[in-house]
Amino acid sequence: MENHLRANGDTDESGARGRATELFSSKRIDTILVCAMRAMIGGTSVGSYGDMSVTELDSHANMAVAGRDCTIIATSGQYATVTPFSDELPVMEEIEIGDVAMAYDDPISLRTYLLVMRNALLIPTMDHNLLPPFLIREASLFIDETPKFQSTSLSRNNHTICDDETGMMIDLQIRGTFSYFRSRSLTLDEQAQWDEFPVVFLTPDSD
């Protein structure tokens, strides 16, 4: 992948932060494959969240989607044909695939987490990101999709995404029937000093 960010840091660190070092600071060029993949997404609306930047769970999608408020780490030179959930909606051709980062500001702990989505569809015309729960579980994160008001066994983990390694706990919100959380692109300081923040991979760390 062609990297868009540069960061200082050693490449021998362990865990997610060490792996993020490679993504942010290495440079790899892959063979260009045009329309070599097919992807399906469930949410393609624009303007549904107004000025609020969010990441929405999409159980209909088989790939993550990076909207307009993400920071691109690397582009792959690979492209996918994207099919919406309905046959009546237009197919999107040659959507580029890449790795992105975004920030989650925890309103309870006041910590900022840097979240990485690998192999995401880059669709800057979308006002929000899409994240399949299946991929979250494949990344070894805990996710509870049941809203608290529907849960039959209330606990602190209801309607959350959790990472044991960093202690991150994202309390999901709900809009209609869709779960989401607030997210945003990285600031310039976060891009330059990303290794000072906890890093969580929201999707599997694989090419």
N, C-alpha and C. Protein backbone atom coordinates (compact mmCIF):
# COMPACT_ATOMS: atom_id res chain seq x y z
N MET A 1 0.83 -1.19 0.00
CA MET A 1 0.00 0.00 0.00
C MET A 1 0.87 1.25 0.00
N GLU A 2 0.38 2.29 -0.60
CA GLU A 2 1.10 3.55 -0.63
C GLU A 2 0.71 4.37 0.58
N ASN A 3 1.67 4.69 1.46
CA ASN A 3 1.38 5.38 2.69
C ASN A 3 1.14 6.86 2.47
N HIS A 4 0.17 7.42 3.21
CA HIS A 4 -0.13 8.83 3.15
C HIS A 4 0.36 9.56 4.39
N LEU A 5 0.76 8.82 5.44
CA LEU A 5 1.20 9.43 6.67
C LEU A 5 2.61 8.99 6.99
N ARG A 6 3.32 9.79 7.72
CA ARG A 6 4.61 9.43 8.24
C ARG A 6 4.58 9.69 9.74
N ALA A 7 5.20 8.82 10.52
CA ALA A 7 5.24 9.03 11.96
C ALA A 7 6.57 8.53 12.50
N ASN A 8 7.04 9.17 13.56
CA ASN A 8 8.26 8.72 14.21
C ASN A 8 7.93 7.56 15.13
N GLY A 9 8.84 6.64 15.29
CA GLY A 9 8.61 5.53 16.19
C GLY A 9 9.39 4.32 15.75
N ASP A 10 9.69 3.43 16.69
CA ASP A 10 10.42 2.22 16.39
C ASP A 10 9.47 1.19 15.81
N THR A 11 9.97 0.31 15.00
CA THR A 11 9.14 -0.71 14.38
C THR A 11 9.18 -2.03 15.13
N ASP A 12 9.83 -2.05 16.33
CA ASP A 12 9.92 -3.30 17.06
C ASP A 12 8.95 -3.37 18.23
N GLU A 13 8.02 -2.45 18.32
CA GLU A 13 7.03 -2.48 19.37
C GLU A 13 6.08 -3.65 19.14
N SER A 14 5.47 -4.13 20.22
CA SER A 14 4.56 -5.27 20.12
C SER A 14 3.13 -4.78 20.13
N GLY A 15 2.21 -5.70 19.76
CA GLY A 15 0.80 -5.39 19.82
C GLY A 15 0.34 -4.45 18.74
N ALA A 16 -0.87 -3.88 18.97
CA ALA A 16 -1.49 -3.02 17.96
C ALA A 16 -0.66 -1.79 17.68
N ARG A 17 -0.02 -1.23 18.72
CA ARG A 17 0.76 -0.01 18.50
C ARG A 17 1.97 -0.29 17.61
N GLY A 18 2.61 -1.46 17.84
CA GLY A 18 3.74 -1.82 17.01
C GLY A 18 3.34 -2.07 15.58
N ARG A 19 2.19 -2.74 15.40
CA ARG A 19 1.71 -3.00 14.04
C ARG A 19 1.33 -1.69 13.36
N ALA A 20 0.74 -0.77 14.12
CA ALA A 20 0.38 0.52 13.54
C ALA A 20 1.62 1.28 13.10
N THR A 21 2.74 1.06 13.80
CA THR A 21 3.99 1.68 13.38
C THR A 21 4.32 1.32 11.95
N GLU A 22 4.17 0.03 11.62
CA GLU A 22 4.47 -0.42 10.27
C GLU A 22 3.54 0.23 9.26
N LEU A 23 2.25 0.33 9.60
CA LEU A 23 1.29 0.91 8.67
C LEU A 23 1.57 2.38 8.42
N PHE A 24 1.95 3.10 9.51
CA PHE A 24 2.15 4.53 9.37
C PHE A 24 3.48 4.87 8.75
N SER A 25 4.50 4.03 8.93
CA SER A 25 5.83 4.45 8.54
C SER A 25 6.46 3.63 7.42
N SER A 26 5.90 2.46 7.08
CA SER A 26 6.47 1.69 5.98
C SER A 26 5.83 2.10 4.67
N LYS A 27 6.44 1.67 3.59
CA LYS A 27 5.89 1.98 2.27
C LYS A 27 5.89 0.73 1.43
N ARG A 28 4.68 0.31 1.03
CA ARG A 28 4.56 -0.89 0.20
C ARG A 28 3.71 -0.56 -1.01
N ILE A 29 4.11 -1.04 -2.16
CA ILE A 29 3.34 -0.84 -3.38
C ILE A 29 2.81 -2.19 -3.84
N ASP A 30 1.50 -2.31 -3.94
CA ASP A 30 0.89 -3.55 -4.39
C ASP A 30 0.51 -3.45 -5.86
N THR A 31 0.33 -4.58 -6.50
CA THR A 31 -0.11 -4.62 -7.89
C THR A 31 -1.50 -4.01 -8.01
N ILE A 32 -1.72 -3.19 -9.02
CA ILE A 32 -3.02 -2.56 -9.23
C ILE A 32 -3.99 -3.59 -9.81
N LEU A 33 -5.10 -3.75 -9.13
CA LEU A 33 -6.14 -4.65 -9.59
C LEU A 33 -7.44 -3.86 -9.70
N VAL A 34 -7.91 -3.61 -10.90
CA VAL A 34 -9.10 -2.81 -11.10
C VAL A 34 -10.33 -3.72 -11.06
N CYS A 35 -11.26 -3.37 -10.16
CA CYS A 35 -12.52 -4.10 -10.03
C CYS A 35 -12.27 -5.60 -9.78
N ALA A 36 -11.26 -5.89 -8.97
CA ALA A 36 -10.94 -7.29 -8.71
C ALA A 36 -11.81 -7.87 -7.60
N MET A 37 -12.56 -7.02 -6.88
CA MET A 37 -13.36 -7.48 -5.77
C MET A 37 -14.78 -6.96 -5.91
N ARG A 38 -15.69 -7.64 -5.23
CA ARG A 38 -17.07 -7.16 -5.16
C ARG A 38 -17.43 -6.99 -3.69
N ALA A 39 -18.08 -5.89 -3.38
CA ALA A 39 -18.45 -5.61 -2.01
C ALA A 39 -19.91 -5.22 -1.95
N MET A 40 -20.53 -5.45 -0.79
CA MET A 40 -21.92 -5.06 -0.59
C MET A 40 -21.99 -4.21 0.67
N ILE A 41 -22.73 -3.10 0.59
CA ILE A 41 -22.94 -2.24 1.74
C ILE A 41 -24.42 -1.97 1.91
N GLY A 42 -24.80 -1.64 3.14
CA GLY A 42 -26.22 -1.43 3.42
C GLY A 42 -26.62 0.02 3.52
N GLY A 43 -25.68 0.91 3.83
CA GLY A 43 -26.03 2.31 4.02
C GLY A 43 -25.30 3.21 3.05
N THR A 44 -26.01 3.88 2.18
CA THR A 44 -25.36 4.76 1.20
C THR A 44 -25.95 6.16 1.22
N SER A 45 -26.69 6.50 2.29
CA SER A 45 -27.34 7.80 2.34
C SER A 45 -26.33 8.89 2.66
N VAL A 46 -26.61 10.08 2.21
CA VAL A 46 -25.77 11.24 2.47
C VAL A 46 -26.60 12.26 3.24
N GLY A 47 -25.99 12.85 4.27
CA GLY A 47 -26.68 13.88 5.03
C GLY A 47 -27.53 13.35 6.16
N SER A 48 -27.49 12.05 6.44
CA SER A 48 -28.35 11.48 7.45
C SER A 48 -27.95 11.86 8.87
N TYR A 49 -26.68 12.24 9.07
CA TYR A 49 -26.22 12.64 10.39
C TYR A 49 -25.87 14.12 10.47
N GLY A 50 -26.17 14.86 9.44
CA GLY A 50 -25.90 16.28 9.45
C GLY A 50 -24.42 16.56 9.56
N ASP A 51 -24.04 17.44 10.50
CA ASP A 51 -22.64 17.80 10.69
C ASP A 51 -21.93 16.85 11.65
N MET A 52 -22.62 15.88 12.19
CA MET A 52 -22.02 14.97 13.15
C MET A 52 -21.26 13.87 12.43
N SER A 53 -20.04 13.62 12.86
CA SER A 53 -19.21 12.59 12.27
C SER A 53 -19.35 11.31 13.09
N VAL A 54 -19.78 10.23 12.44
CA VAL A 54 -20.05 8.99 13.17
C VAL A 54 -19.59 7.78 12.36
N THR A 55 -19.48 6.66 13.08
CA THR A 55 -19.27 5.35 12.47
C THR A 55 -20.47 4.49 12.85
N GLU A 56 -21.10 3.93 11.83
CA GLU A 56 -22.36 3.19 12.01
C GLU A 56 -22.13 1.71 11.79
N LEU A 57 -22.75 0.88 12.60
CA LEU A 57 -22.68 -0.56 12.41
C LEU A 57 -23.57 -0.95 11.24
N ASP A 58 -23.07 -1.81 10.36
CA ASP A 58 -23.82 -2.22 9.17
C ASP A 58 -23.68 -3.73 9.01
N SER A 59 -24.70 -4.45 9.43
CA SER A 59 -24.66 -5.91 9.37
C SER A 59 -24.84 -6.43 7.95
N HIS A 60 -25.23 -5.56 7.00
CA HIS A 60 -25.40 -5.98 5.61
C HIS A 60 -24.10 -5.89 4.81
N ALA A 61 -23.11 -5.21 5.37
CA ALA A 61 -21.86 -4.98 4.63
C ALA A 61 -20.89 -6.14 4.83
N ASN A 62 -20.08 -6.40 3.80
CA ASN A 62 -19.00 -7.38 3.95
C ASN A 62 -17.63 -6.72 3.96
N MET A 63 -17.60 -5.38 3.88
CA MET A 63 -16.36 -4.62 4.01
C MET A 63 -16.67 -3.34 4.76
N ALA A 64 -15.66 -2.81 5.46
CA ALA A 64 -15.82 -1.52 6.11
C ALA A 64 -15.82 -0.41 5.05
N VAL A 65 -16.47 0.70 5.37
CA VAL A 65 -16.52 1.85 4.47
C VAL A 65 -16.02 3.07 5.22
N ALA A 66 -15.06 3.76 4.63
CA ALA A 66 -14.53 4.99 5.20
C ALA A 66 -15.15 6.18 4.50
N GLY A 67 -15.88 6.99 5.26
CA GLY A 67 -16.51 8.17 4.70
C GLY A 67 -15.57 9.36 4.68
N ARG A 68 -16.17 10.56 4.72
CA ARG A 68 -15.38 11.76 4.48
C ARG A 68 -14.53 12.18 5.67
N ASP A 69 -14.87 11.75 6.88
CA ASP A 69 -14.16 12.25 8.06
C ASP A 69 -13.24 11.19 8.64
N CYS A 70 -12.35 10.66 7.81
CA CYS A 70 -11.32 9.71 8.22
C CYS A 70 -9.97 10.22 7.74
N THR A 71 -8.92 9.70 8.31
CA THR A 71 -7.57 10.02 7.86
C THR A 71 -7.01 8.81 7.12
N ILE A 72 -6.69 8.98 5.86
CA ILE A 72 -6.18 7.87 5.05
C ILE A 72 -4.73 7.60 5.44
N ILE A 73 -4.45 6.35 5.81
CA ILE A 73 -3.09 5.92 6.13
C ILE A 73 -2.39 5.45 4.86
N ALA A 74 -3.09 4.61 4.08
CA ALA A 74 -2.48 4.04 2.89
C ALA A 74 -3.55 3.67 1.89
N THR A 75 -3.21 3.74 0.61
CA THR A 75 -4.07 3.25 -0.45
C THR A 75 -3.41 2.03 -1.08
N SER A 76 -4.23 1.10 -1.54
CA SER A 76 -3.71 -0.18 -2.00
C SER A 76 -3.51 -0.26 -3.51
N GLY A 77 -4.15 0.63 -4.26
CA GLY A 77 -4.15 0.48 -5.70
C GLY A 77 -5.12 -0.59 -6.16
N GLN A 78 -5.88 -1.14 -5.22
CA GLN A 78 -6.90 -2.13 -5.55
C GLN A 78 -8.28 -1.48 -5.47
N TYR A 79 -9.19 -1.98 -6.30
CA TYR A 79 -10.51 -1.38 -6.40
C TYR A 79 -11.58 -2.45 -6.31
N ALA A 80 -12.78 -2.03 -5.92
CA ALA A 80 -13.90 -2.96 -5.81
C ALA A 80 -15.13 -2.37 -6.48
N THR A 81 -15.98 -3.24 -6.96
CA THR A 81 -17.31 -2.84 -7.42
C THR A 81 -18.26 -3.00 -6.25
N VAL A 82 -18.95 -1.93 -5.88
CA VAL A 82 -19.77 -1.92 -4.68
C VAL A 82 -21.24 -2.01 -5.05
N THR A 83 -21.92 -3.01 -4.49
CA THR A 83 -23.34 -3.22 -4.73
C THR A 83 -24.13 -2.83 -3.48
N PRO A 84 -25.03 -1.84 -3.57
CA PRO A 84 -25.86 -1.49 -2.42
C PRO A 84 -26.82 -2.63 -2.06
N PHE A 85 -27.49 -2.48 -0.91
CA PHE A 85 -28.36 -3.54 -0.42
C PHE A 85 -29.58 -3.75 -1.30
N SER A 86 -29.94 -2.76 -2.12
CA SER A 86 -31.12 -2.86 -2.97
C SER A 86 -30.71 -2.86 -4.43
N ASP A 87 -31.33 -3.72 -5.23
CA ASP A 87 -31.05 -3.77 -6.66
C ASP A 87 -31.50 -2.51 -7.38
N GLU A 88 -32.36 -1.71 -6.73
CA GLU A 88 -32.86 -0.49 -7.35
C GLU A 88 -31.86 0.66 -7.24
N LEU A 89 -30.84 0.50 -6.41
CA LEU A 89 -29.84 1.55 -6.24
C LEU A 89 -28.67 1.30 -7.19
N PRO A 90 -27.98 2.37 -7.60
CA PRO A 90 -26.89 2.20 -8.58
C PRO A 90 -25.68 1.49 -7.99
N VAL A 91 -25.02 0.73 -8.84
CA VAL A 91 -23.76 0.08 -8.48
C VAL A 91 -22.63 1.10 -8.61
N MET A 92 -21.69 1.09 -7.66
CA MET A 92 -20.55 2.00 -7.70
C MET A 92 -19.33 1.24 -8.21
N GLU A 93 -18.75 1.72 -9.30
CA GLU A 93 -17.62 1.05 -9.92
C GLU A 93 -16.30 1.65 -9.44
N GLU A 94 -15.27 0.80 -9.37
CA GLU A 94 -13.90 1.21 -9.11
C GLU A 94 -13.76 2.06 -7.84
N ILE A 95 -14.26 1.55 -6.72
CA ILE A 95 -14.09 2.20 -5.43
C ILE A 95 -12.76 1.72 -4.83
N GLU A 96 -11.89 2.65 -4.52
CA GLU A 96 -10.56 2.27 -4.04
C GLU A 96 -10.62 1.69 -2.63
N ILE A 97 -9.69 0.79 -2.35
CA ILE A 97 -9.58 0.14 -1.05
C ILE A 97 -8.33 0.67 -0.36
N GLY A 98 -8.45 0.98 0.93
CA GLY A 98 -7.29 1.50 1.65
C GLY A 98 -7.44 1.32 3.15
N ASP A 99 -6.42 1.75 3.87
CA ASP A 99 -6.41 1.72 5.33
C ASP A 99 -6.63 3.13 5.85
N VAL A 100 -7.46 3.27 6.87
CA VAL A 100 -7.76 4.59 7.43
C VAL A 100 -7.66 4.55 8.95
N ALA A 101 -7.49 5.73 9.52
CA ALA A 101 -7.52 5.89 10.97
C ALA A 101 -8.52 6.96 11.33
N MET A 102 -9.09 6.81 12.50
CA MET A 102 -10.01 7.83 13.02
C MET A 102 -9.86 7.86 14.53
N ALA A 103 -10.33 8.92 15.13
CA ALA A 103 -10.19 9.10 16.57
C ALA A 103 -11.54 8.92 17.25
N TYR A 104 -11.48 8.29 18.43
CA TYR A 104 -12.66 8.19 19.29
C TYR A 104 -12.33 8.86 20.62
N ASP A 105 -13.08 9.89 20.96
CA ASP A 105 -12.89 10.62 22.21
C ASP A 105 -13.87 10.07 23.25
N ASP A 106 -13.35 9.34 24.22
CA ASP A 106 -14.19 8.73 25.25
C ASP A 106 -14.69 9.81 26.20
N PRO A 107 -16.00 10.04 26.26
CA PRO A 107 -16.52 11.12 27.11
C PRO A 107 -16.44 10.79 28.60
N ILE A 108 -16.20 9.52 28.94
CA ILE A 108 -16.14 9.13 30.35
C ILE A 108 -14.70 9.17 30.86
N SER A 109 -13.79 8.48 30.18
CA SER A 109 -12.40 8.46 30.62
C SER A 109 -11.62 9.68 30.14
N LEU A 110 -12.16 10.39 29.15
CA LEU A 110 -11.52 11.56 28.53
C LEU A 110 -10.24 11.17 27.78
N ARG A 111 -10.11 9.89 27.45
CA ARG A 111 -8.97 9.44 26.64
C ARG A 111 -9.37 9.45 25.17
N THR A 112 -8.39 9.66 24.32
CA THR A 112 -8.59 9.57 22.88
C THR A 112 -7.94 8.29 22.37
N TYR A 113 -8.71 7.50 21.64
CA TYR A 113 -8.21 6.26 21.05
C TYR A 113 -8.12 6.45 19.54
N LEU A 114 -7.05 5.92 18.95
CA LEU A 114 -6.91 5.94 17.51
C LEU A 114 -7.37 4.59 16.97
N LEU A 115 -8.37 4.62 16.11
CA LEU A 115 -9.00 3.41 15.59
C LEU A 115 -8.58 3.20 14.15
N VAL A 116 -8.18 1.99 13.81
CA VAL A 116 -7.70 1.67 12.47
C VAL A 116 -8.67 0.72 11.79
N MET A 117 -9.07 1.05 10.57
CA MET A 117 -9.86 0.15 9.73
C MET A 117 -9.00 -0.21 8.53
N ARG A 118 -8.67 -1.47 8.38
CA ARG A 118 -7.87 -1.94 7.26
C ARG A 118 -8.77 -2.42 6.13
N ASN A 119 -8.29 -2.26 4.91
CA ASN A 119 -9.01 -2.74 3.72
C ASN A 119 -10.44 -2.21 3.66
N ALA A 120 -10.57 -0.92 3.87
CA ALA A 120 -11.89 -0.28 3.82
C ALA A 120 -12.14 0.31 2.44
N LEU A 121 -13.40 0.39 2.07
CA LEU A 121 -13.80 1.07 0.85
C LEU A 121 -13.74 2.58 1.10
N LEU A 122 -13.05 3.31 0.25
CA LEU A 122 -12.88 4.76 0.42
C LEU A 122 -13.96 5.48 -0.37
N ILE A 123 -14.99 5.97 0.34
CA ILE A 123 -16.11 6.65 -0.32
C ILE A 123 -16.30 8.01 0.36
N PRO A 124 -15.55 9.02 -0.04
CA PRO A 124 -15.59 10.32 0.64
C PRO A 124 -16.91 11.06 0.50
N THR A 125 -17.79 10.62 -0.39
CA THR A 125 -19.09 11.28 -0.52
C THR A 125 -20.04 10.87 0.59
N MET A 126 -19.71 9.83 1.34
CA MET A 126 -20.56 9.42 2.46
C MET A 126 -20.24 10.27 3.69
N ASP A 127 -21.27 10.63 4.44
CA ASP A 127 -21.07 11.47 5.61
C ASP A 127 -20.80 10.66 6.87
N HIS A 128 -20.78 9.34 6.77
CA HIS A 128 -20.47 8.51 7.92
C HIS A 128 -19.74 7.25 7.45
N ASN A 129 -19.13 6.56 8.40
CA ASN A 129 -18.43 5.32 8.11
C ASN A 129 -19.36 4.13 8.38
N LEU A 130 -19.06 3.00 7.74
CA LEU A 130 -19.82 1.78 7.97
C LEU A 130 -18.86 0.70 8.47
N LEU A 131 -19.30 -0.03 9.49
CA LEU A 131 -18.44 -1.03 10.11
C LEU A 131 -19.24 -2.30 10.36
N PRO A 132 -18.92 -3.40 9.67
CA PRO A 132 -19.66 -4.65 9.89
C PRO A 132 -19.31 -5.27 11.25
N PRO A 133 -20.30 -5.61 12.06
CA PRO A 133 -20.03 -6.26 13.35
C PRO A 133 -19.20 -7.54 13.21
N PHE A 134 -19.40 -8.26 12.10
CA PHE A 134 -18.64 -9.49 11.87
C PHE A 134 -17.14 -9.20 11.87
N LEU A 135 -16.72 -8.10 11.22
CA LEU A 135 -15.30 -7.77 11.16
C LEU A 135 -14.77 -7.33 12.53
N ILE A 136 -15.61 -6.68 13.33
CA ILE A 136 -15.20 -6.29 14.68
C ILE A 136 -14.85 -7.54 15.49
N ARG A 137 -15.69 -8.56 15.38
CA ARG A 137 -15.42 -9.81 16.11
C ARG A 137 -14.19 -10.51 15.54
N GLU A 138 -14.01 -10.45 14.22
CA GLU A 138 -12.83 -11.05 13.62
C GLU A 138 -11.54 -10.37 14.08
N ALA A 139 -11.65 -9.11 14.49
CA ALA A 139 -10.50 -8.37 15.02
C ALA A 139 -10.28 -8.66 16.50
N SER A 140 -11.02 -9.63 17.04
CA SER A 140 -10.89 -10.07 18.44
C SER A 140 -11.35 -9.01 19.44
N LEU A 141 -12.29 -8.16 19.02
CA LEU A 141 -12.91 -7.21 19.94
C LEU A 141 -14.25 -7.75 20.40
N PHE A 142 -14.68 -7.31 21.57
CA PHE A 142 -16.00 -7.67 22.07
C PHE A 142 -17.01 -6.66 21.55
N ILE A 143 -18.16 -7.15 21.09
CA ILE A 143 -19.24 -6.25 20.68
C ILE A 143 -20.57 -6.82 21.13
N ASP A 144 -21.38 -5.96 21.71
CA ASP A 144 -22.76 -6.29 22.08
C ASP A 144 -23.65 -5.32 21.31
N GLU A 145 -24.42 -5.86 20.36
CA GLU A 145 -25.24 -5.01 19.48
C GLU A 145 -26.63 -4.72 20.04
N THR A 146 -26.99 -5.34 21.16
CA THR A 146 -28.35 -5.19 21.68
C THR A 146 -28.48 -3.89 22.47
N PRO A 147 -29.39 -3.00 22.08
CA PRO A 147 -29.61 -1.77 22.85
C PRO A 147 -30.01 -2.10 24.29
N LYS A 148 -29.64 -1.24 25.21
CA LYS A 148 -29.92 -1.51 26.62
C LYS A 148 -31.41 -1.69 26.89
N PHE A 149 -32.25 -0.94 26.19
CA PHE A 149 -33.68 -1.04 26.47
C PHE A 149 -34.28 -2.35 25.96
N GLN A 150 -33.53 -3.10 25.14
CA GLN A 150 -34.00 -4.40 24.67
C GLN A 150 -33.30 -5.57 25.37
N SER A 151 -32.31 -5.26 26.19
CA SER A 151 -31.55 -6.33 26.82
C SER A 151 -32.35 -6.99 27.93
N THR A 152 -32.23 -8.31 28.01
CA THR A 152 -32.89 -9.07 29.09
C THR A 152 -31.95 -9.31 30.26
N SER A 153 -30.68 -8.92 30.10
CA SER A 153 -29.69 -9.09 31.16
C SER A 153 -28.78 -7.88 31.16
N LEU A 154 -29.17 -6.85 31.90
CA LEU A 154 -28.45 -5.59 31.88
C LEU A 154 -27.07 -5.73 32.52
N SER A 155 -26.08 -5.15 31.85
CA SER A 155 -24.73 -5.09 32.39
C SER A 155 -24.02 -3.89 31.79
N ARG A 156 -22.84 -3.58 32.29
CA ARG A 156 -22.08 -2.44 31.78
C ARG A 156 -21.68 -2.66 30.32
N ASN A 157 -21.59 -3.91 29.89
CA ASN A 157 -21.15 -4.21 28.53
C ASN A 157 -22.26 -4.16 27.50
N ASN A 158 -23.50 -3.92 27.90
CA ASN A 158 -24.59 -3.84 26.94
C ASN A 158 -24.35 -2.71 25.94
N HIS A 159 -24.53 -3.03 24.65
CA HIS A 159 -24.46 -2.04 23.58
C HIS A 159 -23.11 -1.32 23.58
N THR A 160 -22.04 -2.11 23.58
CA THR A 160 -20.70 -1.55 23.60
C THR A 160 -19.77 -2.30 22.64
N ILE A 161 -18.64 -1.66 22.34
CA ILE A 161 -17.50 -2.29 21.70
C ILE A 161 -16.33 -2.16 22.67
N CYS A 162 -15.70 -3.29 23.02
CA CYS A 162 -14.66 -3.27 24.05
C CYS A 162 -13.38 -3.90 23.55
N ASP A 163 -12.27 -3.36 24.03
CA ASP A 163 -10.95 -3.92 23.75
C ASP A 163 -10.24 -4.12 25.08
N ASP A 164 -9.95 -5.36 25.42
CA ASP A 164 -9.32 -5.67 26.70
C ASP A 164 -7.90 -5.12 26.79
N GLU A 165 -7.19 -5.10 25.67
CA GLU A 165 -5.79 -4.71 25.70
C GLU A 165 -5.60 -3.26 26.09
N THR A 166 -6.43 -2.36 25.56
CA THR A 166 -6.28 -0.93 25.84
C THR A 166 -7.27 -0.43 26.89
N GLY A 167 -8.28 -1.25 27.21
CA GLY A 167 -9.32 -0.81 28.12
C GLY A 167 -10.39 0.04 27.46
N MET A 168 -10.36 0.14 26.15
CA MET A 168 -11.36 0.95 25.44
C MET A 168 -12.75 0.35 25.58
N MET A 169 -13.72 1.19 25.88
CA MET A 169 -15.12 0.79 25.89
C MET A 169 -15.94 1.88 25.20
N ILE A 170 -16.44 1.56 24.03
CA ILE A 170 -17.27 2.51 23.27
C ILE A 170 -18.73 2.23 23.58
N ASP A 171 -19.40 3.19 24.15
CA ASP A 171 -20.85 3.07 24.38
C ASP A 171 -21.56 3.46 23.10
N LEU A 172 -22.24 2.48 22.51
CA LEU A 172 -22.94 2.73 21.26
C LEU A 172 -24.21 3.54 21.51
N GLN A 173 -24.53 4.38 20.55
CA GLN A 173 -25.79 5.12 20.56
C GLN A 173 -26.69 4.54 19.47
N ILE A 174 -27.92 4.97 19.45
CA ILE A 174 -28.85 4.40 18.47
C ILE A 174 -29.63 5.52 17.80
N ARG A 175 -29.78 5.38 16.51
CA ARG A 175 -30.58 6.31 15.69
C ARG A 175 -31.54 5.46 14.88
N GLY A 176 -32.81 5.52 15.21
CA GLY A 176 -33.77 4.62 14.58
C GLY A 176 -33.47 3.20 14.99
N THR A 177 -33.04 2.39 14.03
CA THR A 177 -32.65 1.01 14.32
C THR A 177 -31.14 0.80 14.13
N PHE A 178 -30.39 1.88 13.92
CA PHE A 178 -28.97 1.77 13.62
C PHE A 178 -28.12 2.19 14.81
N SER A 179 -27.15 1.35 15.17
CA SER A 179 -26.21 1.67 16.24
C SER A 179 -25.02 2.41 15.65
N TYR A 180 -24.48 3.35 16.40
CA TYR A 180 -23.35 4.13 15.91
C TYR A 180 -22.56 4.69 17.09
N PHE A 181 -21.38 5.24 16.78
CA PHE A 181 -20.61 5.98 17.77
C PHE A 181 -19.94 7.16 17.09
N ARG A 182 -19.66 8.19 17.88
CA ARG A 182 -19.02 9.39 17.35
C ARG A 182 -17.56 9.08 17.02
N SER A 183 -17.09 9.56 15.89
CA SER A 183 -15.70 9.41 15.49
C SER A 183 -15.32 10.61 14.64
N ARG A 184 -14.03 10.77 14.41
CA ARG A 184 -13.57 11.92 13.63
C ARG A 184 -12.22 11.60 13.03
N SER A 185 -11.78 12.44 12.09
CA SER A 185 -10.45 12.28 11.52
C SER A 185 -9.40 12.73 12.53
N LEU A 186 -8.17 12.32 12.30
CA LEU A 186 -7.07 12.67 13.20
C LEU A 186 -6.65 14.12 13.01
N THR A 187 -6.30 14.77 14.11
CA THR A 187 -5.72 16.10 14.03
C THR A 187 -4.27 15.99 13.55
N LEU A 188 -3.67 17.11 13.19
CA LEU A 188 -2.28 17.11 12.77
C LEU A 188 -1.36 16.64 13.91
N ASP A 189 -1.67 17.05 15.14
CA ASP A 189 -0.87 16.61 16.29
C ASP A 189 -1.00 15.10 16.48
N GLU A 190 -2.19 14.57 16.32
CA GLU A 190 -2.38 13.12 16.48
C GLU A 190 -1.66 12.34 15.38
N GLN A 191 -1.63 12.90 14.19
CA GLN A 191 -0.89 12.24 13.10
C GLN A 191 0.61 12.24 13.37
N ALA A 192 1.11 13.32 13.94
CA ALA A 192 2.54 13.43 14.19
C ALA A 192 2.96 12.66 15.44
N GLN A 193 2.04 12.50 16.40
CA GLN A 193 2.39 11.87 17.67
C GLN A 193 1.45 10.70 17.97
N TRP A 194 1.05 9.99 16.93
CA TRP A 194 0.07 8.92 17.09
C TRP A 194 0.54 7.84 18.05
N ASP A 195 1.88 7.65 18.19
CA ASP A 195 2.39 6.58 19.04
C ASP A 195 2.23 6.91 20.53
N GLU A 196 1.73 8.08 20.85
CA GLU A 196 1.45 8.43 22.23
C GLU A 196 0.00 8.08 22.63
N PHE A 197 -0.76 7.54 21.68
CA PHE A 197 -2.16 7.22 21.93
C PHE A 197 -2.38 5.71 21.87
N PRO A 198 -3.38 5.20 22.60
CA PRO A 198 -3.73 3.79 22.43
C PRO A 198 -4.33 3.55 21.05
N VAL A 199 -3.90 2.47 20.40
CA VAL A 199 -4.31 2.14 19.04
C VAL A 199 -5.14 0.86 19.07
N VAL A 200 -6.29 0.87 18.41
CA VAL A 200 -7.18 -0.30 18.34
C VAL A 200 -7.53 -0.57 16.88
N PHE A 201 -7.33 -1.82 16.45
CA PHE A 201 -7.74 -2.23 15.11
C PHE A 201 -9.20 -2.66 15.16
N LEU A 202 -10.06 -1.96 14.42
CA LEU A 202 -11.49 -2.30 14.38
C LEU A 202 -11.78 -3.45 13.40
N THR A 203 -10.87 -3.69 12.49
CA THR A 203 -11.01 -4.77 11.52
C THR A 203 -9.74 -5.63 11.58
N PRO A 204 -9.77 -6.83 11.06
CA PRO A 204 -8.57 -7.69 11.15
C PRO A 204 -7.35 -7.02 10.53
N ASP A 205 -6.20 -7.21 11.17
CA ASP A 205 -4.95 -6.65 10.69
C ASP A 205 -4.32 -7.61 9.70
N SER A 206 -4.84 -7.59 8.48
CA SER A 206 -4.32 -8.47 7.43
C SER A 206 -4.47 -7.78 6.09
N ASP A 207 -3.61 -8.12 5.15
CA ASP A 207 -3.64 -7.51 3.81
C ASP A 207 -4.76 -8.14 2.98
